[in-house]
């Protein structure tokens, strides 16, 4: 389990994904969740490609909130 973050974002459509990556790019670790788990995986993969940004993905709301 990753280190808990102080910022979480639910909803990873175009705007949510870009917002999460922008926050991470500024140096703030962020947890992300989306009902469609493939969007979570896509966002985490994109974060790795864009400089190993601190984005932590969760596939269920319970673990996302924890």
Protein backbone atom coordinates (compact mmCIF):
# COMPACT_ATOMS: atom_id res chain seq x y z
CA UNK A 1 0.00 0.00 0.00
CA UNK A 2 1.39 3.43 -0.92
CA UNK A 3 2.00 6.17 1.60
CA UNK A 4 -1.24 8.03 2.33
CA UNK A 5 -1.60 11.31 0.44
CA UNK A 6 -3.25 14.54 1.51
CA UNK A 7 -4.89 15.04 -1.88
CA UNK A 8 -7.33 12.70 -3.59
CA UNK A 9 -9.21 13.02 -6.85
CA UNK A 10 -12.18 10.93 -7.96
CA UNK A 11 -13.05 11.15 -11.64
CA UNK A 12 -10.43 10.70 -14.32
CA UNK A 13 -12.00 11.90 -17.54
CA UNK A 14 -9.96 14.40 -19.57
CA UNK A 15 -10.14 17.23 -17.03
CA UNK A 16 -9.66 15.03 -13.95
CA UNK A 17 -6.69 13.18 -15.41
CA UNK A 18 -4.95 16.41 -16.43
CA UNK A 19 -5.67 18.01 -13.05
CA UNK A 20 -4.19 15.03 -11.19
CA UNK A 21 -1.07 15.02 -13.35
CA UNK A 22 -0.65 18.79 -12.97
CA UNK A 23 -0.87 18.52 -9.17
CA UNK A 24 1.67 15.67 -9.16
CA UNK A 25 3.95 17.61 -11.50
CA UNK A 26 4.06 20.41 -8.92
CA UNK A 27 5.42 17.90 -6.40
CA UNK A 28 2.26 16.99 -4.49
CA UNK A 29 1.55 13.25 -4.19
CA UNK A 30 -2.05 12.48 -5.18
CA UNK A 31 -4.35 9.47 -4.91
CA UNK A 32 -6.76 8.87 -7.79
CA UNK A 33 -9.91 6.79 -8.24
CA UNK A 34 -12.32 6.25 -11.10
CA UNK A 35 -15.30 3.90 -11.38
CA UNK A 36 -13.81 2.59 -14.64
CA UNK A 37 -10.58 0.98 -13.43
CA UNK A 38 -8.89 1.20 -16.83
CA UNK A 39 -8.85 5.01 -16.44
CA UNK A 40 -7.00 4.60 -13.13
CA UNK A 41 -4.39 2.38 -14.77
CA UNK A 42 -4.09 4.76 -17.74
CA UNK A 43 -3.52 7.75 -15.43
CA UNK A 44 -0.89 5.97 -13.33
CA UNK A 45 0.92 4.80 -16.48
CA UNK A 46 0.85 8.31 -17.94
CA UNK A 47 2.28 9.67 -14.67
CA UNK A 48 5.18 7.21 -14.94
CA UNK A 49 5.83 8.21 -18.55
CA UNK A 50 5.76 11.92 -17.74
CA UNK A 51 8.56 11.72 -15.18
CA UNK A 52 7.58 9.13 -12.58
CA UNK A 53 5.09 11.54 -10.99
CA UNK A 54 3.69 10.68 -7.52
CA UNK A 55 0.24 9.42 -8.60
CA UNK A 56 -1.25 6.48 -6.68
CA UNK A 57 -4.21 4.69 -8.23
CA UNK A 58 -7.01 2.82 -6.46
CA UNK A 59 -9.61 0.51 -7.99
CA UNK A 60 -12.19 0.67 -5.20
CA UNK A 61 -13.60 3.61 -3.24
CA UNK A 62 -12.91 2.04 0.16
CA UNK A 63 -9.15 1.77 -0.28
CA UNK A 64 -9.09 5.17 -2.04
CA UNK A 65 -10.59 6.85 1.03
CA UNK A 66 -8.29 4.99 3.45
